[in-house]
Amino acid sequence: MTLAPELLEILVCPKCKGDLEYREGPQEQLVCHLCRLQYRVEDDIPIMLIDEATGF
């Protein structure tokens, strides 16, 4: 499953409001390179909570 392109165009990092990179891989995620945070995607729903993001 993948996120709709229309959704990806409007999503931004909730912490810095920067652009997000969508990664499909074995586990879908949205990545903010400025904050160095990864937001997971579960059942095509991005989990955009800063407290639940993981660093890299």
Protein backbone atom coordinates (compact mmCIF):
# COMPACT_ATOMS: atom_id res chain seq x y z
CA MET A 1 0.00 0.00 0.00
CA THR A 2 1.13 3.54 -0.62
CA LEU A 3 0.02 6.98 0.44
CA ALA A 4 -1.94 9.07 -2.03
CA PRO A 5 0.25 11.55 -3.94
CA GLU A 6 -2.20 14.35 -3.04
CA LEU A 7 -1.61 13.64 0.65
CA LEU A 8 2.16 13.53 0.27
CA GLU A 9 2.10 16.98 -1.37
CA ILE A 10 0.52 18.65 1.68
CA LEU A 11 2.18 16.78 4.56
CA VAL A 12 5.01 18.53 6.39
CA CYS A 13 7.04 17.72 9.48
CA PRO A 14 4.99 18.68 12.54
CA LYS A 15 8.13 19.82 14.36
CA CYS A 16 9.88 22.08 11.83
CA LYS A 17 7.28 22.30 9.01
CA GLY A 18 9.94 21.00 6.60
CA ASP A 19 9.53 18.63 3.66
CA LEU A 20 9.12 14.90 4.23
CA GLU A 21 10.54 12.04 2.21
CA TYR A 22 8.25 9.03 1.74
CA ARG A 23 9.96 5.65 2.04
CA GLU A 24 8.11 2.49 1.08
CA GLY A 25 10.52 -0.29 2.10
CA PRO A 26 9.46 -3.11 4.41
CA GLN A 27 7.97 -0.52 6.78
CA GLU A 28 6.42 2.63 5.32
CA GLN A 29 7.64 5.86 6.88
CA LEU A 30 7.93 9.59 6.37
CA VAL A 31 11.36 11.06 7.02
CA CYS A 32 12.35 14.62 7.95
CA HIS A 33 16.03 15.17 7.17
CA LEU A 34 16.13 18.53 8.99
CA CYS A 35 14.92 17.14 12.34
CA ARG A 36 16.34 13.67 11.66
CA LEU A 37 13.02 12.09 12.63
CA GLN A 38 11.08 9.19 11.12
CA TYR A 39 7.28 9.01 11.31
CA ARG A 40 5.76 5.58 10.77
CA VAL A 41 2.79 4.84 8.52
CA GLU A 42 0.25 2.25 9.72
CA ASP A 43 -2.50 1.02 7.40
CA ASP A 44 -1.97 4.03 5.09
CA ILE A 45 -2.29 6.46 8.04
CA PRO A 46 0.77 8.60 8.83
CA ILE A 47 1.42 8.80 12.58
CA MET A 48 2.54 12.43 12.77
CA LEU A 49 3.07 12.68 16.54
CA ILE A 50 6.45 14.10 17.50
CA ASP A 51 6.54 11.98 20.66
CA GLU A 52 6.12 8.79 18.61
CA ALA A 53 8.73 9.65 15.96
CA THR A 54 12.08 7.91 16.03
CA GLY A 55 15.44 9.53 15.39
CA PHE A 56 18.08 8.32 12.96
